[in-house]
Amino acid sequence: MFEGFALDWIDVGEVVLRVRHGGSGPPLLLLHGHPRTHATWHRVAPLLAESFTVVCPDLRGFGQSSSPPDMTNHSQASKRAKALDCVLLMEALGHERFMIAGHDRGSYTAFRCAMDHPQRVERLAILDGVPILEALERCDAQFAQAWWHWFFFAQPDKPERAILADPIAWYGGTAESMGTENHADFVAAVTKPETVRGMLGDYRAGLTFDADHDRADRASGRMLPCPTLVLWSLRDDLELLYGDVLAVWRTWASDLRGHGIDCEHHMAEEAPEQLATALSAFFCAPE
């Protein structure tokens, strides 16, 4: 897995991040979603490394990256904190400016990184996501039925007890579909109580800090300052929930493009060639 990539643990101040990096060319940061680790990119990163210097960290609280102690307001898990981790990580690797792609929960950190650090992010790709504030404000019975876990995971203590009773049955996933090493990395993460708690902090912050940060941006008229690509899984439920996914993003990004990919939710594992082709075309496109 990740042949030719280096594996490091890098101290970025509040946390230590586990990171794989390799390839050559412009720097590209790839952020995973819940409940995956950076290993979810193992089929995509080598394809992109032919044209880019690819950096794949475990987000704080996920995988083998560390997490600060829980704050009562969950600010330690906010996307703003994770976005700063990304900037400091890329600085530590020698990259002042970079491109970024995030999937699922990682898309919210990628979005916040581009909003909070416009001088750092050259291009942004969002995979299977809309802004957190948009999801919450558009929430209806259909959303609550499909994405009930957003609200369950944000509750105190009970989610940990439910998940840790049988993490593999809870999350699913097989070595055949994910790849043997990726699956083993995933299993190691979701069976550790401290990691499960760290991952759930992402949802707890999502309903508080992260929504407030989006709300403040909208009130001030701030939009994404860089070209933005939105990709979504056609056999997942983003179109079912929102219809025209790009329409949701048009009030947040003036330079916007995107399309669906024929796969289920974990596109990096299920459609790596299509995803790598789409990302490469976007990140290599002339200004």
Protein backbone atom coordinates (compact mmCIF):
# COMPACT_ATOMS: atom_id res chain seq x y z
CA MET A 1 0.00 0.00 0.00
CA PHE A 2 1.34 3.46 -1.00
CA GLU A 3 4.45 2.04 -2.63
CA GLY A 4 7.12 4.74 -2.87
CA PHE A 5 5.42 6.95 -0.25
CA ALA A 6 7.01 7.99 3.03
CA LEU A 7 5.16 7.44 6.32
CA ASP A 8 5.75 10.04 9.04
CA TRP A 9 4.29 11.39 12.26
CA ILE A 10 4.45 15.20 12.18
CA ASP A 11 3.95 17.49 15.18
CA VAL A 12 1.78 20.47 14.20
CA GLY A 13 1.44 21.96 17.68
CA GLU A 14 -1.78 20.76 19.30
CA VAL A 15 -1.60 17.31 17.71
CA VAL A 16 0.70 14.86 15.96
CA LEU A 17 -0.56 13.75 12.56
CA ARG A 18 0.21 10.46 10.85
CA VAL A 19 0.84 11.23 7.19
CA ARG A 20 1.84 9.49 3.95
CA HIS A 21 3.44 11.60 1.27
CA GLY A 22 5.03 10.93 -2.07
CA GLY A 23 5.18 11.76 -5.76
CA SER A 24 6.45 14.89 -7.45
CA GLY A 25 4.91 18.07 -8.76
CA PRO A 26 2.53 20.63 -7.24
CA PRO A 27 1.45 19.78 -3.68
CA LEU A 28 -1.97 18.19 -3.25
CA LEU A 29 -3.51 17.43 0.16
CA LEU A 30 -6.11 14.62 0.35
CA LEU A 31 -8.45 14.43 3.37
CA HIS A 32 -10.46 11.32 4.23
CA GLY A 33 -13.95 11.06 5.72
CA HIS A 34 -15.63 9.17 8.55
CA PRO A 35 -14.84 6.48 9.64
CA ARG A 36 -11.86 6.04 7.33
CA THR A 37 -8.18 6.84 7.73
CA HIS A 38 -5.78 8.26 5.17
CA ALA A 39 -5.45 4.68 3.84
CA THR A 40 -8.77 5.13 2.00
CA TRP A 41 -6.69 6.93 -0.69
CA HIS A 42 -4.40 3.94 -1.35
CA ARG A 43 -5.86 3.32 -4.83
CA VAL A 44 -5.99 7.00 -5.83
CA ALA A 45 -2.81 8.50 -4.37
CA PRO A 46 -0.37 6.49 -6.54
CA LEU A 47 -2.25 7.58 -9.67
CA LEU A 48 -2.09 11.23 -8.64
CA ALA A 49 1.55 10.94 -7.56
CA GLU A 50 2.53 10.75 -11.22
CA SER A 51 1.70 14.48 -11.47
CA PHE A 52 1.53 15.80 -7.90
CA THR A 53 3.27 15.67 -4.56
CA VAL A 54 0.48 13.90 -2.69
CA VAL A 55 -0.01 14.30 1.06
CA CYS A 56 -2.50 12.05 2.90
CA PRO A 57 -2.86 12.62 6.66
CA ASP A 58 -5.11 11.10 9.27
CA LEU A 59 -7.20 14.03 10.50
CA ARG A 60 -6.86 14.86 14.17
CA GLY A 61 -8.85 12.36 16.20
CA PHE A 62 -8.90 9.82 13.36
CA GLY A 63 -6.69 6.84 12.57
CA GLN A 64 -3.37 7.11 14.37
CA SER A 65 -3.28 10.90 14.65
CA SER A 66 -3.62 12.29 18.14
CA SER A 67 -6.44 14.40 19.53
CA PRO A 68 -6.42 17.05 22.26
CA PRO A 69 -8.54 16.41 25.35
CA ASP A 70 -12.25 16.96 24.80
CA MET A 71 -13.41 20.49 25.49
CA THR A 72 -16.92 20.92 26.87
CA ASN A 73 -17.84 22.86 23.71
CA HIS A 74 -15.99 20.40 21.37
CA SER A 75 -13.92 23.21 19.89
CA GLN A 76 -10.92 20.85 19.77
CA ALA A 77 -12.71 18.98 16.94
CA SER A 78 -13.83 22.01 14.93
CA LYS A 79 -13.07 22.19 11.21
CA ARG A 80 -11.27 25.47 11.91
CA ALA A 81 -8.83 23.66 14.19
CA LYS A 82 -8.38 20.87 11.63
CA ALA A 83 -7.88 23.39 8.83
CA LEU A 84 -5.03 24.98 10.78
CA ASP A 85 -3.54 21.50 11.24
CA CYS A 86 -3.55 21.19 7.44
CA VAL A 87 -1.73 24.49 6.94
CA LEU A 88 0.89 23.65 9.55
CA LEU A 89 1.35 20.14 8.15
CA MET A 90 1.93 21.43 4.65
CA GLU A 91 4.32 24.07 5.99
CA ALA A 92 6.28 21.34 7.80
CA LEU A 93 6.58 19.49 4.48
CA GLY A 94 7.77 22.66 2.73
CA HIS A 95 4.56 23.71 0.97
CA GLU A 96 3.36 27.29 1.48
CA ARG A 97 0.57 26.96 -1.10
CA PHE A 98 -1.24 23.80 -2.06
CA MET A 99 -4.35 22.27 -3.56
CA ILE A 100 -6.78 20.31 -1.42
CA ALA A 101 -9.48 17.67 -1.83
CA GLY A 102 -11.67 16.30 0.94
CA HIS A 103 -14.23 13.52 1.04
CA ASP A 104 -17.25 13.28 3.37
CA ARG A 105 -16.27 14.80 6.76
CA GLY A 106 -12.90 15.65 5.24
CA SER A 107 -14.69 17.87 2.74
CA TYR A 108 -15.78 20.15 5.60
CA THR A 109 -12.19 20.57 6.76
CA ALA A 110 -11.09 21.21 3.15
CA PHE A 111 -13.85 23.83 2.77
CA ARG A 112 -12.88 25.54 6.03
CA CYS A 113 -9.21 25.49 5.04
CA ALA A 114 -9.99 27.32 1.80
CA MET A 115 -12.25 29.82 3.59
CA ASP A 116 -9.90 30.54 6.51
CA HIS A 117 -6.60 30.41 4.60
CA PRO A 118 -7.28 31.78 1.11
CA GLN A 119 -3.63 32.70 0.62
CA ARG A 120 -2.68 29.03 1.05
CA VAL A 121 -5.26 27.11 -1.01
CA GLU A 122 -4.97 27.34 -4.79
CA ARG A 123 -7.82 24.97 -5.74
CA LEU A 124 -10.44 23.05 -3.79
CA ALA A 125 -12.25 19.77 -4.52
CA ILE A 126 -15.27 18.75 -2.46
CA LEU A 127 -16.29 15.08 -2.64
CA ASP A 128 -19.73 14.03 -1.41
CA GLY A 129 -20.57 17.09 0.62
CA VAL A 130 -22.37 20.41 0.91
CA PRO A 131 -21.57 23.10 3.49
CA ILE A 132 -22.59 22.02 6.99
CA LEU A 133 -24.86 25.04 7.41
CA GLU A 134 -26.67 24.22 4.16
CA ALA A 135 -27.24 20.63 5.29
CA LEU A 136 -28.65 21.74 8.63
CA GLU A 137 -30.87 24.49 7.26
CA ARG A 138 -32.27 22.22 4.55
CA CYS A 139 -32.87 19.38 7.00
CA ASP A 140 -36.28 17.75 6.62
CA ALA A 141 -37.80 14.35 7.35
CA GLN A 142 -35.99 12.79 4.39
CA PHE A 143 -32.63 14.13 5.62
CA ALA A 144 -33.35 13.00 9.17
CA GLN A 145 -34.17 9.50 7.95
CA ALA A 146 -31.11 9.20 5.70
CA TRP A 147 -28.56 11.08 7.83
CA TRP A 148 -29.92 10.42 11.32
CA HIS A 149 -26.38 9.56 12.41
CA TRP A 150 -25.44 13.27 12.30
CA PHE A 151 -27.64 13.88 15.30
CA PHE A 152 -27.02 10.58 17.10
CA PHE A 153 -23.23 10.92 16.82
CA ALA A 154 -23.46 14.42 18.34
CA GLN A 155 -25.08 13.13 21.55
CA PRO A 156 -22.93 12.64 24.67
CA ASP A 157 -21.57 9.17 25.51
CA LYS A 158 -24.30 6.99 23.98
CA PRO A 159 -22.79 6.79 20.46
CA GLU A 160 -19.50 5.47 21.82
CA ARG A 161 -21.32 2.76 23.78
CA ALA A 162 -23.35 1.70 20.74
CA ILE A 163 -20.43 1.65 18.29
CA LEU A 164 -17.89 -0.01 20.56
CA ALA A 165 -20.26 -2.89 21.32
CA ASP A 166 -19.47 -4.17 17.78
CA PRO A 167 -17.55 -1.62 15.67
CA ILE A 168 -17.16 -3.83 12.60
CA ALA A 169 -20.87 -4.64 12.44
CA TRP A 170 -21.68 -0.97 13.02
CA TYR A 171 -19.49 0.43 10.26
CA GLY A 172 -19.35 -2.46 7.77
CA GLY A 173 -16.64 -2.70 5.13
CA THR A 174 -14.69 -5.73 3.95
CA ALA A 175 -11.10 -6.46 3.04
CA GLU A 176 -12.27 -7.44 -0.44
CA SER A 177 -13.93 -4.10 -1.17
CA MET A 178 -11.52 -1.84 0.71
CA GLY A 179 -8.23 -3.65 0.10
CA THR A 180 -6.58 -5.80 2.75
CA GLU A 181 -4.22 -3.22 4.26
CA ASN A 182 -6.74 -0.38 4.12
CA HIS A 183 -9.31 -2.58 5.84
CA ALA A 184 -6.83 -3.59 8.55
CA ASP A 185 -6.00 0.07 9.18
CA PHE A 186 -9.70 0.90 9.39
CA VAL A 187 -10.36 -1.97 11.83
CA ALA A 188 -7.49 -0.87 14.05
CA ALA A 189 -8.95 2.64 14.19
CA VAL A 190 -12.62 1.88 14.84
CA THR A 191 -11.90 -0.65 17.59
CA LYS A 192 -9.96 1.87 19.71
CA PRO A 193 -12.25 3.71 22.18
CA GLU A 194 -10.17 6.90 22.12
CA THR A 195 -10.27 7.01 18.31
CA VAL A 196 -14.02 6.44 18.16
CA ARG A 197 -14.45 9.31 20.61
CA GLY A 198 -12.12 11.49 18.55
CA MET A 199 -14.08 10.77 15.36
CA LEU A 200 -17.40 11.55 17.03
CA GLY A 201 -16.08 14.92 18.11
CA ASP A 202 -16.20 15.86 14.43
CA TYR A 203 -20.01 15.55 14.53
CA ARG A 204 -20.36 17.26 17.89
CA ALA A 205 -18.44 20.27 16.62
CA GLY A 206 -20.40 20.15 13.36
CA LEU A 207 -23.69 21.10 15.03
CA THR A 208 -22.13 23.96 16.99
CA PHE A 209 -18.82 25.59 16.06
CA ASP A 210 -18.74 24.59 12.42
CA ALA A 211 -22.27 25.75 11.66
CA ASP A 212 -21.54 29.05 13.43
CA HIS A 213 -18.40 29.58 11.34
CA ASP A 214 -20.36 28.97 8.13
CA ARG A 215 -23.09 31.33 9.34
CA ALA A 216 -20.58 34.10 10.05
CA ASP A 217 -19.03 33.69 6.59
CA ARG A 218 -22.41 33.95 4.90
CA ALA A 219 -23.39 37.00 6.94
CA SER A 220 -20.20 38.76 5.88
CA GLY A 221 -20.63 37.79 2.22
CA ARG A 222 -17.46 35.71 2.10
CA MET A 223 -17.21 33.13 -0.66
CA LEU A 224 -14.63 30.58 -1.68
CA PRO A 225 -11.77 32.52 -3.28
CA CYS A 226 -10.43 29.69 -5.43
CA PRO A 227 -11.67 27.46 -8.27
CA THR A 228 -13.86 24.74 -6.79
CA LEU A 229 -14.77 21.27 -8.01
CA VAL A 230 -17.69 19.33 -6.51
CA LEU A 231 -17.99 15.59 -7.16
CA TRP A 232 -20.67 13.31 -5.77
CA SER A 233 -21.46 9.59 -5.80
CA LEU A 234 -24.42 8.83 -8.05
CA ARG A 235 -25.36 5.73 -6.04
CA ASP A 236 -25.28 7.59 -2.73
CA ASP A 237 -27.97 10.04 -1.57
CA LEU A 238 -26.67 13.56 -2.25
CA GLU A 239 -28.81 14.02 -5.36
CA LEU A 240 -31.79 12.46 -3.57
CA LEU A 241 -31.48 15.02 -0.80
CA TYR A 242 -30.61 18.12 -2.83
CA GLY A 243 -31.46 17.50 -6.46
CA ASP A 244 -29.05 19.90 -8.15
CA VAL A 245 -25.98 19.58 -5.95
CA LEU A 246 -24.13 22.41 -7.68
CA ALA A 247 -27.05 24.76 -7.00
CA VAL A 248 -26.40 24.35 -3.28
CA TRP A 249 -22.81 25.49 -3.82
CA ARG A 250 -23.42 28.48 -6.09
CA THR A 251 -23.90 30.92 -3.21
CA TRP A 252 -20.53 29.81 -1.82
CA ALA A 253 -18.34 29.57 -4.93
CA SER A 254 -18.26 31.79 -8.00
CA ASP A 255 -15.77 29.59 -9.91
CA LEU A 256 -17.60 26.27 -9.69
CA ARG A 257 -17.86 23.05 -11.65
CA GLY A 258 -18.67 19.42 -10.91
CA HIS A 259 -20.45 16.20 -11.78
CA GLY A 260 -21.46 12.82 -10.41
CA ILE A 261 -19.37 9.64 -10.40
CA ASP A 262 -21.03 6.25 -10.82
CA CYS A 263 -20.26 4.62 -7.48
CA GLU A 264 -21.47 4.35 -3.91
CA HIS A 265 -20.25 6.56 -1.09
CA HIS A 266 -16.56 5.63 -0.70
CA MET A 267 -15.51 6.79 -4.15
CA ALA A 268 -11.75 6.59 -3.54
CA GLU A 269 -12.12 2.87 -2.91
CA GLU A 270 -14.89 2.11 -5.41
CA ALA A 271 -14.02 4.30 -8.41
CA PRO A 272 -10.33 5.23 -8.02
CA GLU A 273 -9.54 5.64 -11.72
CA GLN A 274 -12.54 7.86 -12.42
CA LEU A 275 -11.83 9.93 -9.32
CA ALA A 276 -8.13 10.31 -10.08
CA THR A 277 -8.92 11.35 -13.65
CA ALA A 278 -11.44 13.97 -12.50
CA LEU A 279 -9.12 15.38 -9.85
CA SER A 280 -6.09 15.44 -12.13
CA ALA A 281 -8.00 17.25 -14.88
CA PHE A 282 -9.20 19.89 -12.42
CA PHE A 283 -5.97 20.42 -10.54
CA CYS A 284 -3.92 20.52 -13.76
CA ALA A 285 -6.29 22.90 -15.57
CA PRO A 286 -4.87 26.31 -16.52
CA GLU A 287 -6.03 29.33 -14.57
